[in-house]
Amino acid sequence: MLPNGTSQPSRKSRGWFLVAVLAIVIAAVVMSAVLLWLWHQTTLQPRVTLTAANYVTEACVPMGNGYYANRFRWTFTLVNTGTADGDASIGFLLDGNSLGYSHFFVPQHSQVTGNANLFGSGSLTPGQCPSETPGISLASVAGGFVLDIPMVIESFVRPVATIGFTGAWLGFLQYQAQRRKSSVFEDLGASGWGVAVSTVLAAGFFANVLTVFLVTPYNVPVDWTVATLYGVVFSMLGVIFFALGYREMLRVGRRKKLNTR
């Protein structure tokens, strides 16, 4: 009767251990899939080109208030061959000097025809407007998916690190428990929950340390003082909770030895 009584807790502990490992693997796979999806979104970007840019000059047209100026009527086409909508900024020049910018929304896999009327230097009398040379350029293109690195670290790296540290701590505790002929998964009472809670809290604090140091380089301005302070505090708390979990594991082992006597 004794072998049967002692084999059942062992099978039960192995079952809980496999459940814990499976949960950690599933969580890691889900997090990896989310990160892969985020990376794929960064590949969806607009590719806008400026084509068919032409202008017609109307010399010394009245502007009102007694002024006259050359008017330039621009027509152009914006072509987006990318995989995301884009906001194109068109810059206008006059003798190499900037006259301003206009923005045009260009959906993906489409083209937009734009036009603009620009005036040159003013003159008090008609016929005295200077000779000027206009210009046009594609100044910038915005749009697509912009990956916010600090957001990714806070939202995904932190939980993944917590899962990883939890698995590592539980594996270490289970190894130490097996050396003492016991298992942290045999007792799911007060001691078992003590080990679990202490392990998760310790893993969470160490994941916070990793997160703080990964996010700090993206802060403006970069200040390592706060990261160092939080790192020291969180590391101390992590060590304390890990020590509590280790103590609970030893109590489980001692209790099992007393029960088997």
C-alpha atoms as a PDB file:
ATOM      1  CA  MET A   1       0.000   0.000   0.000  1.00  0.00           C
ATOM      2  CA  LEU A   2       2.882   2.361   0.650  1.00  0.00           C
ATOM      3  CA  PRO A   3       4.189   2.449  -2.957  1.00  0.00           C
ATOM      4  CA  ASN A   4       0.731   3.289  -4.251  1.00  0.00           C
ATOM      5  CA  GLY A   5       0.328   6.048  -1.674  1.00  0.00           C
ATOM      6  CA  THR A   6       3.661   7.616  -2.539  1.00  0.00           C
ATOM      7  CA  SER A   7       3.394   7.415  -6.351  1.00  0.00           C
ATOM      8  CA  GLN A   8       0.147   9.368  -6.655  1.00  0.00           C
ATOM      9  CA  PRO A   9       1.527  12.707  -5.362  1.00  0.00           C
ATOM     10  CA  SER A  10       4.475  12.295  -7.748  1.00  0.00           C
ATOM     11  CA  ARG A  11       2.172  11.874 -10.754  1.00  0.00           C
ATOM     12  CA  LYS A  12       0.096  14.820  -9.551  1.00  0.00           C
ATOM     13  CA  SER A  13       3.134  17.034  -9.174  1.00  0.00           C
ATOM     14  CA  ARG A  14       4.369  16.137 -12.648  1.00  0.00           C
ATOM     15  CA  GLY A  15       0.921  16.966 -14.019  1.00  0.00           C
ATOM     16  CA  TRP A  16       0.903  20.428 -12.470  1.00  0.00           C
ATOM     17  CA  PHE A  17       4.465  20.991 -13.648  1.00  0.00           C
ATOM     18  CA  LEU A  18       3.502  20.125 -17.226  1.00  0.00           C
ATOM     19  CA  VAL A  19       0.473  22.447 -17.006  1.00  0.00           C
ATOM     20  CA  ALA A  20       2.697  25.302 -15.843  1.00  0.00           C
ATOM     21  CA  VAL A  21       5.218  24.673 -18.621  1.00  0.00           C
ATOM     22  CA  LEU A  22       2.445  24.447 -21.233  1.00  0.00           C
ATOM     23  CA  ALA A  23       0.901  27.723 -20.023  1.00  0.00           C
ATOM     24  CA  ILE A  24       4.261  29.481 -20.264  1.00  0.00           C
ATOM     25  CA  VAL A  25       4.894  28.105 -23.772  1.00  0.00           C
ATOM     26  CA  ILE A  26       1.436  29.159 -24.989  1.00  0.00           C
ATOM     27  CA  ALA A  27       1.868  32.665 -23.555  1.00  0.00           C
ATOM     28  CA  ALA A  28       5.289  32.986 -25.176  1.00  0.00           C
ATOM     29  CA  VAL A  29       3.912  31.849 -28.549  1.00  0.00           C
ATOM     30  CA  VAL A  30       1.033  34.350 -28.342  1.00  0.00           C
ATOM     31  CA  MET A  31       3.382  37.200 -27.442  1.00  0.00           C
ATOM     32  CA  SER A  32       5.736  36.215 -30.264  1.00  0.00           C
ATOM     33  CA  ALA A  33       2.831  36.203 -32.729  1.00  0.00           C
ATOM     34  CA  VAL A  34       1.785  39.689 -31.601  1.00  0.00           C
ATOM     35  CA  LEU A  35       5.338  40.999 -32.001  1.00  0.00           C
ATOM     36  CA  LEU A  36       5.541  39.405 -35.453  1.00  0.00           C
ATOM     37  CA  TRP A  37       2.264  41.104 -36.415  1.00  0.00           C
ATOM     38  CA  LEU A  38       3.597  44.452 -35.210  1.00  0.00           C
ATOM     39  CA  TRP A  39       6.754  43.983 -37.266  1.00  0.00           C
ATOM     40  CA  HIS A  40       4.668  43.149 -40.337  1.00  0.00           C
ATOM     41  CA  GLN A  41       2.669  46.347 -39.866  1.00  0.00           C
ATOM     42  CA  THR A  42       5.892  48.375 -40.056  1.00  0.00           C
ATOM     43  CA  THR A  43       6.449  47.049 -43.589  1.00  0.00           C
ATOM     44  CA  LEU A  44       3.177  48.693 -44.723  1.00  0.00           C
ATOM     45  CA  GLN A  45       4.397  52.115 -45.836  1.00  0.00           C
ATOM     46  CA  PRO A  46       3.383  54.646 -48.513  1.00  0.00           C
ATOM     47  CA  ARG A  47       5.616  55.212 -51.556  1.00  0.00           C
ATOM     48  CA  VAL A  48       4.598  58.502 -53.154  1.00  0.00           C
ATOM     49  CA  THR A  49       6.252  60.039 -56.196  1.00  0.00           C
ATOM     50  CA  LEU A  50       5.682  63.444 -57.797  1.00  0.00           C
ATOM     51  CA  THR A  51       5.079  63.279 -61.543  1.00  0.00           C
ATOM     52  CA  ALA A  52       3.732  65.393 -64.399  1.00  0.00           C
ATOM     53  CA  ALA A  53       4.612  68.676 -62.666  1.00  0.00           C
ATOM     54  CA  ASN A  54       3.936  71.653 -64.974  1.00  0.00           C
ATOM     55  CA  TYR A  55       3.130  75.310 -64.521  1.00  0.00           C
ATOM     56  CA  VAL A  56       1.752  78.185 -66.568  1.00  0.00           C
ATOM     57  CA  THR A  57       2.952  81.736 -65.927  1.00  0.00           C
ATOM     58  CA  GLU A  58       0.532  84.645 -65.996  1.00  0.00           C
ATOM     59  CA  ALA A  59       2.653  87.796 -66.024  1.00  0.00           C
ATOM     60  CA  CYS A  60       1.871  90.733 -63.752  1.00  0.00           C
ATOM     61  CA  VAL A  61      -1.764  90.020 -62.860  1.00  0.00           C
ATOM     62  CA  PRO A  62      -3.525  92.354 -60.382  1.00  0.00           C
ATOM     63  CA  MET A  63      -3.453  91.162 -56.759  1.00  0.00           C
ATOM     64  CA  GLY A  64      -5.587  93.919 -55.219  1.00  0.00           C
ATOM     65  CA  ASN A  65      -4.545  96.941 -53.178  1.00  0.00           C
ATOM     66  CA  GLY A  66      -2.696  98.286 -56.206  1.00  0.00           C
ATOM     67  CA  TYR A  67      -0.159  95.473 -56.466  1.00  0.00           C
ATOM     68  CA  TYR A  68       0.709  93.283 -59.421  1.00  0.00           C
ATOM     69  CA  ALA A  69       2.631  90.000 -59.482  1.00  0.00           C
ATOM     70  CA  ASN A  70       3.398  87.001 -61.638  1.00  0.00           C
ATOM     71  CA  ARG A  71       0.986  84.133 -61.014  1.00  0.00           C
ATOM     72  CA  PHE A  72       2.101  80.538 -61.478  1.00  0.00           C
ATOM     73  CA  ARG A  73      -0.572  77.884 -62.001  1.00  0.00           C
ATOM     74  CA  TRP A  74       0.838  74.492 -61.016  1.00  0.00           C
ATOM     75  CA  THR A  75      -0.594  71.105 -61.939  1.00  0.00           C
ATOM     76  CA  PHE A  76       0.989  67.843 -60.818  1.00  0.00           C
ATOM     77  CA  THR A  77       0.220  64.203 -60.082  1.00  0.00           C
ATOM     78  CA  LEU A  78       1.034  62.240 -56.939  1.00  0.00           C
ATOM     79  CA  VAL A  79       1.296  58.468 -57.378  1.00  0.00           C
ATOM     80  CA  ASN A  80       1.261  56.131 -54.359  1.00  0.00           C
ATOM     81  CA  THR A  81       2.577  52.653 -55.193  1.00  0.00           C
ATOM     82  CA  GLY A  82       2.987  51.688 -51.520  1.00  0.00           C
ATOM     83  CA  THR A  83       0.935  49.492 -49.230  1.00  0.00           C
ATOM     84  CA  ALA A  84      -0.416  52.275 -46.986  1.00  0.00           C
ATOM     85  CA  ASP A  85      -2.152  55.640 -47.377  1.00  0.00           C
ATOM     86  CA  GLY A  86       0.152  58.633 -47.410  1.00  0.00           C
ATOM     87  CA  ASP A  87       0.051  62.349 -46.617  1.00  0.00           C
ATOM     88  CA  ALA A  88       2.345  64.060 -49.120  1.00  0.00           C
ATOM     89  CA  SER A  89       3.825  67.478 -48.366  1.00  0.00           C
ATOM     90  CA  ILE A  90       4.551  69.490 -51.522  1.00  0.00           C
ATOM     91  CA  GLY A  91       7.045  72.334 -51.289  1.00  0.00           C
ATOM     92  CA  PHE A  92       6.949  75.323 -53.636  1.00  0.00           C
ATOM     93  CA  LEU A  93       9.962  77.466 -54.495  1.00  0.00           C
ATOM     94  CA  LEU A  94      10.581  80.786 -56.145  1.00  0.00           C
ATOM     95  CA  ASP A  95      14.145  81.445 -57.310  1.00  0.00           C
ATOM     96  CA  GLY A  96      15.278  78.814 -54.815  1.00  0.00           C
ATOM     97  CA  ASN A  97      13.405  80.337 -51.851  1.00  0.00           C
ATOM     98  CA  SER A  98      10.554  78.538 -50.141  1.00  0.00           C
ATOM     99  CA  LEU A  99       7.017  79.821 -50.711  1.00  0.00           C
ATOM    100  CA  GLY A 100       5.329  77.311 -48.410  1.00  0.00           C
ATOM    101  CA  TYR A 101       3.867  73.826 -48.421  1.00  0.00           C
ATOM    102  CA  SER A 102       0.603  72.106 -49.311  1.00  0.00           C
ATOM    103  CA  HIS A 103      -0.565  68.710 -48.106  1.00  0.00           C
ATOM    104  CA  PHE A 104      -2.365  66.093 -50.177  1.00  0.00           C
ATOM    105  CA  PHE A 105      -3.841  62.781 -49.067  1.00  0.00           C
ATOM    106  CA  VAL A 106      -2.906  59.957 -51.442  1.00  0.00           C
ATOM    107  CA  PRO A 107      -4.561  56.549 -50.836  1.00  0.00           C
ATOM    108  CA  GLN A 108      -2.516  53.421 -51.398  1.00  0.00           C
ATOM    109  CA  HIS A 109      -2.309  52.084 -54.964  1.00  0.00           C
ATOM    110  CA  SER A 110      -3.809  55.269 -56.397  1.00  0.00           C
ATOM    111  CA  GLN A 111      -2.910  58.677 -57.795  1.00  0.00           C
ATOM    112  CA  VAL A 112      -4.119  62.193 -57.085  1.00  0.00           C
ATOM    113  CA  THR A 113      -3.945  65.211 -59.384  1.00  0.00           C
ATOM    114  CA  GLY A 114      -3.243  68.435 -57.545  1.00  0.00           C
ATOM    115  CA  ASN A 115      -3.068  72.093 -58.480  1.00  0.00           C
ATOM    116  CA  ALA A 116      -1.898  75.277 -56.823  1.00  0.00           C
ATOM    117  CA  ASN A 117      -1.825  78.996 -57.636  1.00  0.00           C
ATOM    118  CA  LEU A 118       1.191  80.906 -56.384  1.00  0.00           C
ATOM    119  CA  PHE A 119       2.159  84.564 -56.683  1.00  0.00           C
ATOM    120  CA  GLY A 120       5.634  85.947 -57.053  1.00  0.00           C
ATOM    121  CA  SER A 121       7.085  89.268 -55.912  1.00  0.00           C
ATOM    122  CA  GLY A 122       4.719  92.235 -55.951  1.00  0.00           C
ATOM    123  CA  SER A 123       5.023  95.328 -58.115  1.00  0.00           C
ATOM    124  CA  LEU A 124       3.283  98.706 -57.889  1.00  0.00           C
ATOM    125  CA  THR A 125       2.777  99.032 -61.632  1.00  0.00           C
ATOM    126  CA  PRO A 126       1.863  96.472 -64.289  1.00  0.00           C
ATOM    127  CA  GLY A 127       4.603  95.425 -66.658  1.00  0.00           C
ATOM    128  CA  GLN A 128       7.364  95.811 -64.071  1.00  0.00           C
ATOM    129  CA  CYS A 129       7.142  92.397 -62.426  1.00  0.00           C
ATOM    130  CA  PRO A 130      10.556  90.698 -62.266  1.00  0.00           C
ATOM    131  CA  SER A 131      11.468  87.552 -64.128  1.00  0.00           C
ATOM    132  CA  GLU A 132      11.157  84.659 -61.697  1.00  0.00           C
ATOM    133  CA  THR A 133      11.676  80.889 -61.790  1.00  0.00           C
ATOM    134  CA  PRO A 134       9.291  78.714 -59.768  1.00  0.00           C
ATOM    135  CA  GLY A 135      10.054  75.243 -58.474  1.00  0.00           C
ATOM    136  CA  ILE A 136       8.284  72.307 -56.867  1.00  0.00           C
ATOM    137  CA  SER A 137       9.398  69.297 -54.832  1.00  0.00           C
ATOM    138  CA  LEU A 138       8.058  66.408 -52.772  1.00  0.00           C
ATOM    139  CA  ALA A 139       9.146  67.551 -49.315  1.00  0.00           C
ATOM    140  CA  SER A 140       7.993  64.602 -47.212  1.00  0.00           C
ATOM    141  CA  VAL A 141       5.580  61.695 -47.003  1.00  0.00           C
ATOM    142  CA  ALA A 142       3.890  60.663 -43.762  1.00  0.00           C
ATOM    143  CA  GLY A 143       1.677  57.694 -43.045  1.00  0.00           C
ATOM    144  CA  GLY A 144       1.847  53.980 -42.562  1.00  0.00           C
ATOM    145  CA  PHE A 145       2.411  52.178 -39.309  1.00  0.00           C
ATOM    146  CA  VAL A 146       4.945  53.811 -37.006  1.00  0.00           C
ATOM    147  CA  LEU A 147       6.276  51.428 -34.377  1.00  0.00           C
ATOM    148  CA  ASP A 148       6.469  53.020 -30.949  1.00  0.00           C
ATOM    149  CA  ILE A 149       9.425  51.193 -29.403  1.00  0.00           C
ATOM    150  CA  PRO A 150       8.759  52.289 -25.781  1.00  0.00           C
ATOM    151  CA  MET A 151       5.119  51.215 -26.152  1.00  0.00           C
ATOM    152  CA  VAL A 152       6.178  47.800 -27.444  1.00  0.00           C
ATOM    153  CA  ILE A 153       8.620  47.367 -24.583  1.00  0.00           C
ATOM    154  CA  GLU A 154       6.043  48.385 -21.997  1.00  0.00           C
ATOM    155  CA  SER A 155       3.184  46.370 -23.499  1.00  0.00           C
ATOM    156  CA  PHE A 156       4.907  43.219 -24.710  1.00  0.00           C
ATOM    157  CA  VAL A 157       8.500  42.887 -23.518  1.00  0.00           C
ATOM    158  CA  ARG A 158       7.481  43.355 -19.872  1.00  0.00           C
ATOM    159  CA  PRO A 159       4.891  40.493 -19.830  1.00  0.00           C
ATOM    160  CA  VAL A 160       7.127  38.230 -21.924  1.00  0.00           C
ATOM    161  CA  ALA A 161      10.026  38.868 -19.540  1.00  0.00           C
ATOM    162  CA  THR A 162       7.727  38.197 -16.577  1.00  0.00           C
ATOM    163  CA  ILE A 163       6.674  34.875 -18.084  1.00  0.00           C
ATOM    164  CA  GLY A 164      10.279  33.963 -18.829  1.00  0.00           C
ATOM    165  CA  PHE A 165      11.517  34.841 -15.345  1.00  0.00           C
ATOM    166  CA  THR A 166       8.576  32.993 -13.782  1.00  0.00           C
ATOM    167  CA  GLY A 167       9.403  29.856 -15.740  1.00  0.00           C
ATOM    168  CA  ALA A 168      13.077  30.130 -14.833  1.00  0.00           C
ATOM    169  CA  TRP A 169      12.375  30.673 -11.119  1.00  0.00           C
ATOM    170  CA  LEU A 170       9.833  27.839 -10.984  1.00  0.00           C
ATOM    171  CA  GLY A 171      12.257  25.546 -12.781  1.00  0.00           C
ATOM    172  CA  PHE A 172      15.023  26.408 -10.318  1.00  0.00           C
ATOM    173  CA  LEU A 173      12.732  25.897  -7.317  1.00  0.00           C
ATOM    174  CA  GLN A 174      11.451  22.611  -8.718  1.00  0.00           C
ATOM    175  CA  TYR A 175      15.037  21.427  -9.271  1.00  0.00           C
ATOM    176  CA  GLN A 176      15.970  22.309  -5.694  1.00  0.00           C
ATOM    177  CA  ALA A 177      12.806  20.628  -4.406  1.00  0.00           C
ATOM    178  CA  GLN A 178      13.511  17.413  -6.331  1.00  0.00           C
ATOM    179  CA  ARG A 179      16.988  17.290  -4.792  1.00  0.00           C
ATOM    180  CA  ARG A 180      15.186  17.183  -1.453  1.00  0.00           C
ATOM    181  CA  LYS A 181      12.789  14.439  -2.663  1.00  0.00           C
ATOM    182  CA  SER A 182       9.809  16.799  -2.910  1.00  0.00           C
ATOM    183  CA  SER A 183       8.041  19.048  -5.422  1.00  0.00           C
ATOM    184  CA  VAL A 184       6.750  22.611  -5.336  1.00  0.00           C
ATOM    185  CA  PHE A 185       3.675  21.382  -7.200  1.00  0.00           C
ATOM    186  CA  GLU A 186       2.656  18.757  -4.632  1.00  0.00           C
ATOM    187  CA  ASP A 187       1.228  21.162  -2.073  1.00  0.00           C
ATOM    188  CA  LEU A 188      -1.268  23.641  -3.536  1.00  0.00           C
ATOM    189  CA  GLY A 189      -2.341  24.824  -0.118  1.00  0.00           C
ATOM    190  CA  ALA A 190      -0.887  27.791   1.723  1.00  0.00           C
ATOM    191  CA  SER A 191       2.711  26.827   0.931  1.00  0.00           C
ATOM    192  CA  GLY A 192       1.968  26.152  -2.710  1.00  0.00           C
ATOM    193  CA  TRP A 193       0.265  29.500  -3.179  1.00  0.00           C
ATOM    194  CA  GLY A 194       3.098  31.152  -1.255  1.00  0.00           C
ATOM    195  CA  VAL A 195       5.643  29.742  -3.701  1.00  0.00           C
ATOM    196  CA  ALA A 196       3.518  30.751  -6.703  1.00  0.00           C
ATOM    197  CA  VAL A 197       2.794  34.303  -5.558  1.00  0.00           C
ATOM    198  CA  SER A 198       6.370  34.948  -4.425  1.00  0.00           C
ATOM    199  CA  THR A 199       7.729  33.607  -7.721  1.00  0.00           C
ATOM    200  CA  VAL A 200       5.419  35.728  -9.863  1.00  0.00           C
ATOM    201  CA  LEU A 201       6.134  38.880  -7.838  1.00  0.00           C
ATOM    202  CA  ALA A 202       9.887  38.275  -8.035  1.00  0.00           C
ATOM    203  CA  ALA A 203       9.655  37.723 -11.791  1.00  0.00           C
ATOM    204  CA  GLY A 204       7.562  40.875 -12.163  1.00  0.00           C
ATOM    205  CA  PHE A 205      10.102  43.030 -10.330  1.00  0.00           C
ATOM    206  CA  PHE A 206      13.006  41.673 -12.391  1.00  0.00           C
ATOM    207  CA  ALA A 207      10.977  42.233 -15.579  1.00  0.00           C
ATOM    208  CA  ASN A 208      10.440  45.841 -14.448  1.00  0.00           C
ATOM    209  CA  VAL A 209      14.191  46.265 -14.078  1.00  0.00           C
ATOM    210  CA  LEU A 210      14.743  44.972 -17.610  1.00  0.00           C
ATOM    211  CA  THR A 211      11.947  47.175 -18.977  1.00  0.00           C
ATOM    212  CA  VAL A 212      13.241  50.350 -17.316  1.00  0.00           C
ATOM    213  CA  PHE A 213      16.730  49.867 -18.730  1.00  0.00           C
ATOM    214  CA  LEU A 214      15.390  49.090 -22.222  1.00  0.00           C
ATOM    215  CA  VAL A 215      13.057  52.115 -22.299  1.00  0.00           C
ATOM    216  CA  THR A 216      15.526  54.666 -20.895  1.00  0.00           C
ATOM    217  CA  PRO A 217      17.536  55.124 -24.154  1.00  0.00           C
ATOM    218  CA  TYR A 218      14.329  56.264 -25.900  1.00  0.00           C
ATOM    219  CA  ASN A 219      13.491  58.921 -23.291  1.00  0.00           C
ATOM    220  CA  VAL A 220      14.099  62.581 -24.033  1.00  0.00           C
ATOM    221  CA  PRO A 221      16.309  63.570 -22.355  1.00  0.00           C
ATOM    222  CA  VAL A 222      18.057  60.318 -21.508  1.00  0.00           C
ATOM    223  CA  ASP A 223      18.520  60.090 -17.743  1.00  0.00           C
ATOM    224  CA  TRP A 224      20.025  56.921 -16.322  1.00  0.00           C
ATOM    225  CA  THR A 225      19.680  58.158 -12.743  1.00  0.00           C
ATOM    226  CA  VAL A 226      16.012  57.202 -12.513  1.00  0.00           C
ATOM    227  CA  ALA A 227      16.634  53.881 -14.255  1.00  0.00           C
ATOM    228  CA  THR A 228      19.462  53.045 -11.840  1.00  0.00           C
ATOM    229  CA  LEU A 229      17.382  53.989  -8.797  1.00  0.00           C
ATOM    230  CA  TYR A 230      14.383  51.945  -9.913  1.00  0.00           C
ATOM    231  CA  GLY A 231      16.694  49.109 -10.925  1.00  0.00           C
ATOM    232  CA  VAL A 232      18.232  48.886  -7.466  1.00  0.00           C
ATOM    233  CA  VAL A 233      14.862  49.087  -5.675  1.00  0.00           C
ATOM    234  CA  PHE A 234      13.102  46.584  -7.962  1.00  0.00           C
ATOM    235  CA  SER A 235      16.066  44.197  -7.832  1.00  0.00           C
ATOM    236  CA  MET A 236      16.039  44.217  -4.036  1.00  0.00           C
ATOM    237  CA  LEU A 237      12.290  43.554  -3.966  1.00  0.00           C
ATOM    238  CA  GLY A 238      12.721  40.759  -6.512  1.00  0.00           C
ATOM    239  CA  VAL A 239      15.428  39.112  -4.419  1.00  0.00           C
ATOM    240  CA  ILE A 240      13.277  39.402  -1.280  1.00  0.00           C
ATOM    241  CA  PHE A 241      10.238  37.754  -2.898  1.00  0.00           C
ATOM    242  CA  PHE A 242      12.396  35.088  -4.505  1.00  0.00           C
ATOM    243  CA  ALA A 243      13.909  34.334  -1.093  1.00  0.00           C
ATOM    244  CA  LEU A 244      10.378  34.034   0.351  1.00  0.00           C
ATOM    245  CA  GLY A 245       9.464  31.562  -2.370  1.00  0.00           C
ATOM    246  CA  TYR A 246      12.629  29.587  -1.729  1.00  0.00           C
ATOM    247  CA  ARG A 247      11.782  29.454   1.970  1.00  0.00           C
ATOM    248  CA  GLU A 248       8.274  28.175   1.198  1.00  0.00           C
ATOM    249  CA  MET A 249       9.795  25.493  -1.026  1.00  0.00           C
ATOM    250  CA  LEU A 250      12.002  24.355   1.878  1.00  0.00           C
ATOM    251  CA  ARG A 251       8.960  24.261   4.173  1.00  0.00           C
ATOM    252  CA  VAL A 252       7.148  22.009   1.678  1.00  0.00           C
ATOM    253  CA  GLY A 253      10.139  19.682   1.658  1.00  0.00           C
ATOM    254  CA  ARG A 254      10.387  19.547   5.459  1.00  0.00           C
ATOM    255  CA  ARG A 255       6.634  18.945   5.765  1.00  0.00           C
ATOM    256  CA  LYS A 256       6.837  16.029   3.355  1.00  0.00           C
ATOM    257  CA  LYS A 257       9.696  14.467   5.312  1.00  0.00           C
ATOM    258  CA  LEU A 258       7.699  14.732   8.540  1.00  0.00           C
ATOM    259  CA  ASN A 259       4.606  13.195   6.904  1.00  0.00           C
ATOM    260  CA  THR A 260       6.577  10.228   5.560  1.00  0.00           C
ATOM    261  CA  ARG A 261       8.095   9.310   8.892  1.00  0.00           C
END
